[in-house]
C-alpha atoms as a PDB file:
ATOM      1  CA  UNK A   1     -14.430  22.084 -13.452  1.00  0.00           C
ATOM      2  CA  UNK A   2     -13.478  24.014  -9.954  1.00  0.00           C
ATOM      3  CA  UNK A   3     -12.833  22.281  -6.998  1.00  0.00           C
ATOM      4  CA  UNK A   4     -15.289  22.860  -3.712  1.00  0.00           C
ATOM      5  CA  UNK A   5     -13.206  25.699  -2.896  1.00  0.00           C
ATOM      6  CA  UNK A   6     -13.756  27.321  -5.969  1.00  0.00           C
ATOM      7  CA  UNK A   7     -17.320  26.593  -5.731  1.00  0.00           C
ATOM      8  CA  UNK A   8     -17.647  28.709  -2.384  1.00  0.00           C
ATOM      9  CA  UNK A   9     -15.818  31.630  -3.624  1.00  0.00           C
ATOM     10  CA  UNK A  10     -17.674  31.559  -6.997  1.00  0.00           C
ATOM     11  CA  UNK A  11     -20.715  31.457  -4.971  1.00  0.00           C
ATOM     12  CA  UNK A  12     -19.692  34.535  -2.738  1.00  0.00           C
ATOM     13  CA  UNK A  13     -18.673  36.235  -5.531  1.00  0.00           C
ATOM     14  CA  UNK A  14     -22.068  35.451  -6.996  1.00  0.00           C
ATOM     15  CA  UNK A  15     -23.783  36.364  -4.046  1.00  0.00           C
ATOM     16  CA  UNK A  16     -21.673  39.962  -3.244  1.00  0.00           C
ATOM     17  CA  UNK A  17     -21.741  40.853  -6.995  1.00  0.00           C
ATOM     18  CA  UNK A  18     -25.535  40.569  -7.574  1.00  0.00           C
ATOM     19  CA  UNK A  19     -26.559  42.360  -4.092  1.00  0.00           C
ATOM     20  CA  UNK A  20     -24.595  45.127  -5.204  1.00  0.00           C
ATOM     21  CA  UNK A  21     -25.528  45.794  -9.050  1.00  0.00           C
ATOM     22  CA  UNK A  22     -28.822  45.526  -7.844  1.00  0.00           C
ATOM     23  CA  UNK A  23     -28.481  48.341  -5.489  1.00  0.00           C
ATOM     24  CA  UNK A  24     -26.483  50.310  -8.170  1.00  0.00           C
ATOM     25  CA  UNK A  25     -28.808  49.410 -10.797  1.00  0.00           C
ATOM     26  CA  UNK A  26     -31.847  50.172  -8.836  1.00  0.00           C
ATOM     27  CA  UNK A  27     -32.377  53.358 -10.180  1.00  0.00           C
ATOM     28  CA  UNK A  28     -32.155  52.270 -13.995  1.00  0.00           C
ATOM     29  CA  UNK A  29     -34.169  49.357 -13.249  1.00  0.00           C
ATOM     30  CA  UNK A  30     -37.034  51.192 -11.666  1.00  0.00           C
ATOM     31  CA  UNK A  31     -36.900  53.519 -14.988  1.00  0.00           C
ATOM     32  CA  UNK A  32     -36.905  51.119 -17.713  1.00  0.00           C
ATOM     33  CA  UNK A  33     -39.380  48.991 -16.106  1.00  0.00           C
ATOM     34  CA  UNK A  34     -41.946  51.977 -15.842  1.00  0.00           C
ATOM     35  CA  UNK A  35     -41.140  52.866 -19.298  1.00  0.00           C
ATOM     36  CA  UNK A  36     -41.959  49.572 -20.767  1.00  0.00           C
ATOM     37  CA  UNK A  37     -45.224  49.776 -18.464  1.00  0.00           C
ATOM     38  CA  UNK A  38     -46.058  52.681 -20.232  1.00  0.00           C
ATOM     39  CA  UNK A  39     -45.180  51.553 -23.451  1.00  0.00           C
ATOM     40  CA  UNK A  40     -46.035  47.846 -23.348  1.00  0.00           C
ATOM     41  CA  UNK A  41     -48.328  47.495 -20.979  1.00  0.00           C
ATOM     42  CA  UNK A  42     -48.413  44.677 -18.127  1.00  0.00           C
ATOM     43  CA  UNK A  43     -46.686  42.594 -16.973  1.00  0.00           C
ATOM     44  CA  UNK A  44     -43.277  44.840 -17.050  1.00  0.00           C
ATOM     45  CA  UNK A  45     -41.053  41.043 -16.463  1.00  0.00           C
ATOM     46  CA  UNK A  46     -40.880  38.220 -19.016  1.00  0.00           C
ATOM     47  CA  UNK A  47     -40.453  34.974 -17.238  1.00  0.00           C
ATOM     48  CA  UNK A  48     -39.637  31.806 -18.741  1.00  0.00           C
ATOM     49  CA  UNK A  49     -38.642  28.202 -17.939  1.00  0.00           C
ATOM     50  CA  UNK A  50     -35.545  27.632 -18.427  1.00  0.00           C
ATOM     51  CA  UNK A  51     -32.901  24.755 -17.789  1.00  0.00           C
ATOM     52  CA  UNK A  52     -30.091  25.300 -14.768  1.00  0.00           C
ATOM     53  CA  UNK A  53     -27.992  22.996 -13.825  1.00  0.00           C
ATOM     54  CA  UNK A  54     -28.010  19.321 -14.872  1.00  0.00           C
ATOM     55  CA  UNK A  55     -31.074  20.567 -16.753  1.00  0.00           C
ATOM     56  CA  UNK A  56     -33.284  20.905 -13.811  1.00  0.00           C
ATOM     57  CA  UNK A  57     -35.852  24.004 -14.785  1.00  0.00           C
ATOM     58  CA  UNK A  58     -35.894  27.600 -13.532  1.00  0.00           C
ATOM     59  CA  UNK A  59     -37.921  30.890 -13.912  1.00  0.00           C
ATOM     60  CA  UNK A  60     -35.745  33.600 -15.695  1.00  0.00           C
ATOM     61  CA  UNK A  61     -36.354  36.759 -14.927  1.00  0.00           C
ATOM     62  CA  UNK A  62     -35.908  39.530 -17.918  1.00  0.00           C
ATOM     63  CA  UNK A  63     -37.319  43.062 -19.119  1.00  0.00           C
ATOM     64  CA  UNK A  64     -39.986  42.799 -21.816  1.00  0.00           C
ATOM     65  CA  UNK A  65     -39.046  43.829 -24.880  1.00  0.00           C
ATOM     66  CA  UNK A  66     -41.888  43.016 -26.762  1.00  0.00           C
ATOM     67  CA  UNK A  67     -45.667  43.496 -27.577  1.00  0.00           C
ATOM     68  CA  UNK A  68     -48.094  40.858 -27.336  1.00  0.00           C
ATOM     69  CA  UNK A  69     -49.987  41.746 -30.728  1.00  0.00           C
ATOM     70  CA  UNK A  70     -51.253  38.259 -32.586  1.00  0.00           C
ATOM     71  CA  UNK A  71     -50.825  37.940 -35.951  1.00  0.00           C
ATOM     72  CA  UNK A  72     -54.041  38.329 -39.099  1.00  0.00           C
ATOM     73  CA  UNK A  73     -54.656  34.251 -38.196  1.00  0.00           C
ATOM     74  CA  UNK A  74     -54.143  35.150 -34.612  1.00  0.00           C
ATOM     75  CA  UNK A  75     -50.286  33.346 -34.551  1.00  0.00           C
ATOM     76  CA  UNK A  76     -47.828  35.501 -32.418  1.00  0.00           C
ATOM     77  CA  UNK A  77     -45.784  37.699 -34.939  1.00  0.00           C
ATOM     78  CA  UNK A  78     -42.214  36.896 -35.428  1.00  0.00           C
ATOM     79  CA  UNK A  79     -39.777  38.432 -32.909  1.00  0.00           C
ATOM     80  CA  UNK A  80     -38.724  41.513 -35.270  1.00  0.00           C
ATOM     81  CA  UNK A  81     -42.296  42.364 -35.616  1.00  0.00           C
ATOM     82  CA  UNK A  82     -42.990  42.373 -31.772  1.00  0.00           C
ATOM     83  CA  UNK A  83     -39.636  43.942 -30.678  1.00  0.00           C
ATOM     84  CA  UNK A  84     -40.342  47.579 -29.977  1.00  0.00           C
ATOM     85  CA  UNK A  85     -37.913  50.607 -30.411  1.00  0.00           C
ATOM     86  CA  UNK A  86     -37.377  50.470 -26.072  1.00  0.00           C
ATOM     87  CA  UNK A  87     -36.745  46.796 -26.561  1.00  0.00           C
ATOM     88  CA  UNK A  88     -34.125  47.113 -29.201  1.00  0.00           C
ATOM     89  CA  UNK A  89     -32.491  49.693 -26.587  1.00  0.00           C
ATOM     90  CA  UNK A  90     -33.218  47.856 -23.401  1.00  0.00           C
ATOM     91  CA  UNK A  91     -31.018  44.870 -25.291  1.00  0.00           C
ATOM     92  CA  UNK A  92     -28.572  46.611 -26.499  1.00  0.00           C
ATOM     93  CA  UNK A  93     -27.679  48.060 -23.393  1.00  0.00           C
ATOM     94  CA  UNK A  94     -28.675  44.451 -22.029  1.00  0.00           C
ATOM     95  CA  UNK A  95     -30.858  46.416 -19.677  1.00  0.00           C
ATOM     96  CA  UNK A  96     -33.300  43.401 -20.063  1.00  0.00           C
ATOM     97  CA  UNK A  97     -30.636  41.054 -18.182  1.00  0.00           C
ATOM     98  CA  UNK A  98     -31.104  42.925 -15.112  1.00  0.00           C
ATOM     99  CA  UNK A  99     -33.801  41.425 -13.280  1.00  0.00           C
ATOM    100  CA  UNK A 100     -31.515  37.955 -13.744  1.00  0.00           C
ATOM    101  CA  UNK A 101     -29.296  39.024 -10.822  1.00  0.00           C
ATOM    102  CA  UNK A 102     -32.743  37.925  -8.656  1.00  0.00           C
ATOM    103  CA  UNK A 103     -31.833  34.541 -10.278  1.00  0.00           C
ATOM    104  CA  UNK A 104     -28.288  34.433  -9.382  1.00  0.00           C
ATOM    105  CA  UNK A 105     -29.160  35.620  -5.620  1.00  0.00           C
ATOM    106  CA  UNK A 106     -31.307  32.481  -5.485  1.00  0.00           C
ATOM    107  CA  UNK A 107     -28.423  30.441  -6.423  1.00  0.00           C
ATOM    108  CA  UNK A 108     -30.279  29.324  -9.835  1.00  0.00           C
ATOM    109  CA  UNK A 109     -27.567  31.406 -12.167  1.00  0.00           C
ATOM    110  CA  UNK A 110     -24.446  32.240 -11.974  1.00  0.00           C
ATOM    111  CA  UNK A 111     -22.852  35.667 -12.921  1.00  0.00           C
ATOM    112  CA  UNK A 112     -20.755  33.894 -15.665  1.00  0.00           C
ATOM    113  CA  UNK A 113     -21.872  30.552 -17.087  1.00  0.00           C
ATOM    114  CA  UNK A 114     -23.643  29.644 -20.336  1.00  0.00           C
ATOM    115  CA  UNK A 115     -26.712  31.395 -21.373  1.00  0.00           C
ATOM    116  CA  UNK A 116     -29.591  29.547 -20.144  1.00  0.00           C
ATOM    117  CA  UNK A 117     -31.904  28.847 -23.150  1.00  0.00           C
ATOM    118  CA  UNK A 118     -35.214  26.991 -24.136  1.00  0.00           C
ATOM    119  CA  UNK A 119     -36.309  23.658 -22.224  1.00  0.00           C
ATOM    120  CA  UNK A 120     -37.536  22.373 -25.752  1.00  0.00           C
ATOM    121  CA  UNK A 121     -33.619  22.339 -26.854  1.00  0.00           C
ATOM    122  CA  UNK A 122     -32.493  19.407 -24.228  1.00  0.00           C
ATOM    123  CA  UNK A 123     -33.092  16.590 -26.213  1.00  0.00           C
ATOM    124  CA  UNK A 124     -31.788  18.409 -29.423  1.00  0.00           C
ATOM    125  CA  UNK A 125     -28.528  18.347 -27.970  1.00  0.00           C
ATOM    126  CA  UNK A 126     -25.771  16.307 -28.712  1.00  0.00           C
ATOM    127  CA  UNK A 127     -23.571  14.387 -26.280  1.00  0.00           C
ATOM    128  CA  UNK A 128     -20.959  17.305 -26.098  1.00  0.00           C
ATOM    129  CA  UNK A 129     -23.837  20.008 -26.604  1.00  0.00           C
ATOM    130  CA  UNK A 130     -25.162  19.187 -23.526  1.00  0.00           C
ATOM    131  CA  UNK A 131     -22.264  19.248 -20.784  1.00  0.00           C
ATOM    132  CA  UNK A 132     -22.986  22.807 -20.900  1.00  0.00           C
ATOM    133  CA  UNK A 133     -25.012  22.356 -18.086  1.00  0.00           C
ATOM    134  CA  UNK A 134     -22.352  20.750 -16.159  1.00  0.00           C
ATOM    135  CA  UNK A 135     -22.873  24.229 -14.463  1.00  0.00           C
ATOM    136  CA  UNK A 136     -24.845  26.825 -13.889  1.00  0.00           C
ATOM    137  CA  UNK A 137     -26.258  29.391 -16.465  1.00  0.00           C
ATOM    138  CA  UNK A 138     -25.036  32.293 -16.334  1.00  0.00           C
ATOM    139  CA  UNK A 139     -26.056  36.443 -17.007  1.00  0.00           C
ATOM    140  CA  UNK A 140     -22.678  36.799 -19.278  1.00  0.00           C
ATOM    141  CA  UNK A 141     -20.293  33.761 -20.421  1.00  0.00           C
ATOM    142  CA  UNK A 142     -17.618  33.081 -22.572  1.00  0.00           C
ATOM    143  CA  UNK A 143     -19.807  32.638 -25.689  1.00  0.00           C
ATOM    144  CA  UNK A 144     -21.613  35.839 -25.230  1.00  0.00           C
ATOM    145  CA  UNK A 145     -18.480  38.232 -24.960  1.00  0.00           C
ATOM    146  CA  UNK A 146     -16.679  35.914 -28.481  1.00  0.00           C
ATOM    147  CA  UNK A 147     -19.721  37.015 -30.266  1.00  0.00           C
ATOM    148  CA  UNK A 148     -23.079  36.500 -28.683  1.00  0.00           C
ATOM    149  CA  UNK A 149     -25.541  35.651 -31.644  1.00  0.00           C
ATOM    150  CA  UNK A 150     -22.897  36.542 -34.544  1.00  0.00           C
ATOM    151  CA  UNK A 151     -22.097  32.708 -33.628  1.00  0.00           C
ATOM    152  CA  UNK A 152     -23.515  29.717 -34.972  1.00  0.00           C
ATOM    153  CA  UNK A 153     -25.170  27.536 -32.425  1.00  0.00           C
ATOM    154  CA  UNK A 154     -22.684  25.553 -32.769  1.00  0.00           C
ATOM    155  CA  UNK A 155     -19.929  27.551 -32.247  1.00  0.00           C
ATOM    156  CA  UNK A 156     -21.370  29.160 -29.265  1.00  0.00           C
ATOM    157  CA  UNK A 157     -21.968  25.326 -27.625  1.00  0.00           C
ATOM    158  CA  UNK A 158     -17.990  24.762 -28.433  1.00  0.00           C
ATOM    159  CA  UNK A 159     -17.392  27.819 -26.439  1.00  0.00           C
ATOM    160  CA  UNK A 160     -19.905  26.958 -23.501  1.00  0.00           C
ATOM    161  CA  UNK A 161     -18.128  23.311 -23.268  1.00  0.00           C
ATOM    162  CA  UNK A 162     -14.925  24.948 -23.468  1.00  0.00           C
ATOM    163  CA  UNK A 163     -15.745  27.288 -20.462  1.00  0.00           C
ATOM    164  CA  UNK A 164     -16.925  24.254 -18.589  1.00  0.00           C
ATOM    165  CA  UNK A 165     -14.096  22.713 -18.994  1.00  0.00           C
ATOM    166  CA  UNK A 166     -11.670  25.755 -18.345  1.00  0.00           C
ATOM    167  CA  UNK A 167     -13.570  27.718 -15.912  1.00  0.00           C
ATOM    168  CA  UNK A 168     -12.051  29.433 -12.942  1.00  0.00           C
ATOM    169  CA  UNK A 169     -12.241  32.644 -10.805  1.00  0.00           C
ATOM    170  CA  UNK A 170      -9.638  34.167 -13.280  1.00  0.00           C
ATOM    171  CA  UNK A 171     -11.618  33.417 -16.437  1.00  0.00           C
ATOM    172  CA  UNK A 172     -14.877  34.683 -15.204  1.00  0.00           C
ATOM    173  CA  UNK A 173     -13.081  38.141 -13.806  1.00  0.00           C
ATOM    174  CA  UNK A 174     -12.223  38.165 -17.410  1.00  0.00           C
ATOM    175  CA  UNK A 175     -15.235  37.866 -18.765  1.00  0.00           C
ATOM    176  CA  UNK A 176     -17.474  40.045 -16.812  1.00  0.00           C
ATOM    177  CA  UNK A 177     -14.494  42.548 -17.554  1.00  0.00           C
ATOM    178  CA  UNK A 178     -14.862  41.373 -21.196  1.00  0.00           C
ATOM    179  CA  UNK A 179     -18.980  41.968 -20.583  1.00  0.00           C
ATOM    180  CA  UNK A 180     -18.214  46.120 -19.896  1.00  0.00           C
ATOM    181  CA  UNK A 181     -16.870  46.499 -22.929  1.00  0.00           C
ATOM    182  CA  UNK A 182     -19.606  44.759 -24.628  1.00  0.00           C
ATOM    183  CA  UNK A 183     -22.161  46.549 -23.070  1.00  0.00           C
ATOM    184  CA  UNK A 184     -20.286  50.101 -23.902  1.00  0.00           C
ATOM    185  CA  UNK A 185     -19.940  48.717 -27.478  1.00  0.00           C
ATOM    186  CA  UNK A 186     -22.276  46.862 -28.467  1.00  0.00           C
ATOM    187  CA  UNK A 187     -21.805  43.818 -31.088  1.00  0.00           C
ATOM    188  CA  UNK A 188     -23.743  40.952 -32.044  1.00  0.00           C
ATOM    189  CA  UNK A 189     -27.065  41.126 -30.492  1.00  0.00           C
ATOM    190  CA  UNK A 190     -28.957  40.043 -33.528  1.00  0.00           C
ATOM    191  CA  UNK A 191     -28.011  36.773 -35.753  1.00  0.00           C
ATOM    192  CA  UNK A 192     -28.140  37.940 -39.268  1.00  0.00           C
ATOM    193  CA  UNK A 193     -31.536  39.053 -40.440  1.00  0.00           C
ATOM    194  CA  UNK A 194     -33.059  37.917 -37.784  1.00  0.00           C
ATOM    195  CA  UNK A 195     -34.311  40.121 -34.667  1.00  0.00           C
ATOM    196  CA  UNK A 196     -32.829  37.053 -32.766  1.00  0.00           C
ATOM    197  CA  UNK A 197     -31.164  34.337 -32.920  1.00  0.00           C
ATOM    198  CA  UNK A 198     -33.549  31.641 -34.713  1.00  0.00           C
ATOM    199  CA  UNK A 199     -34.495  28.524 -33.236  1.00  0.00           C
ATOM    200  CA  UNK A 200     -32.094  25.857 -32.780  1.00  0.00           C
ATOM    201  CA  UNK A 201     -33.615  22.569 -33.991  1.00  0.00           C
ATOM    202  CA  UNK A 202     -30.452  20.216 -33.477  1.00  0.00           C
ATOM    203  CA  UNK A 203     -26.968  19.925 -35.284  1.00  0.00           C
ATOM    204  CA  UNK A 204     -27.131  17.517 -38.303  1.00  0.00           C
ATOM    205  CA  UNK A 205     -24.703  14.838 -38.443  1.00  0.00           C
ATOM    206  CA  UNK A 206     -23.535  14.347 -41.667  1.00  0.00           C
END
């Protein structure tokens, strides 16, 4: 875990990095938002409550990548059926994550940390897995650069907890550099035959 000085430095890096990132990617974000509006309609942003530090909920921002299409019985279709070609591109290039820079500026997220998942997962974690919430969630993280959705849930959580125990400014710098490479050469975006990661139902005890 970072000491007090390390946490102050990490926050300063987060603010500077998020502000710079928003300015530099503003044209990309504007064009992508327009494309989402034209192809998928409103709203452009996907807003969803996620657990942050210590499990405290916050509203996460992303660009929409899926259509709101009801199934034959009025139920939502699968992610694969709802994910558009534009959405696939936005995910592959990680452009859909850019609005989370606002979450970083607000102090709800960090540039680097375990990815914020679903609120309903909180009671499904075992004690070890729950430690991923001992730090702020991040736009990118150790599990993201080491496999993303090609990893099992248990593998991802083990990597998240390893990051919690070994985080440092140097490690954050390494993860950010590896993230750039992942954006240039995307991998692990889907999980097997799933368009996204299947729901985490808990780790079997035996």
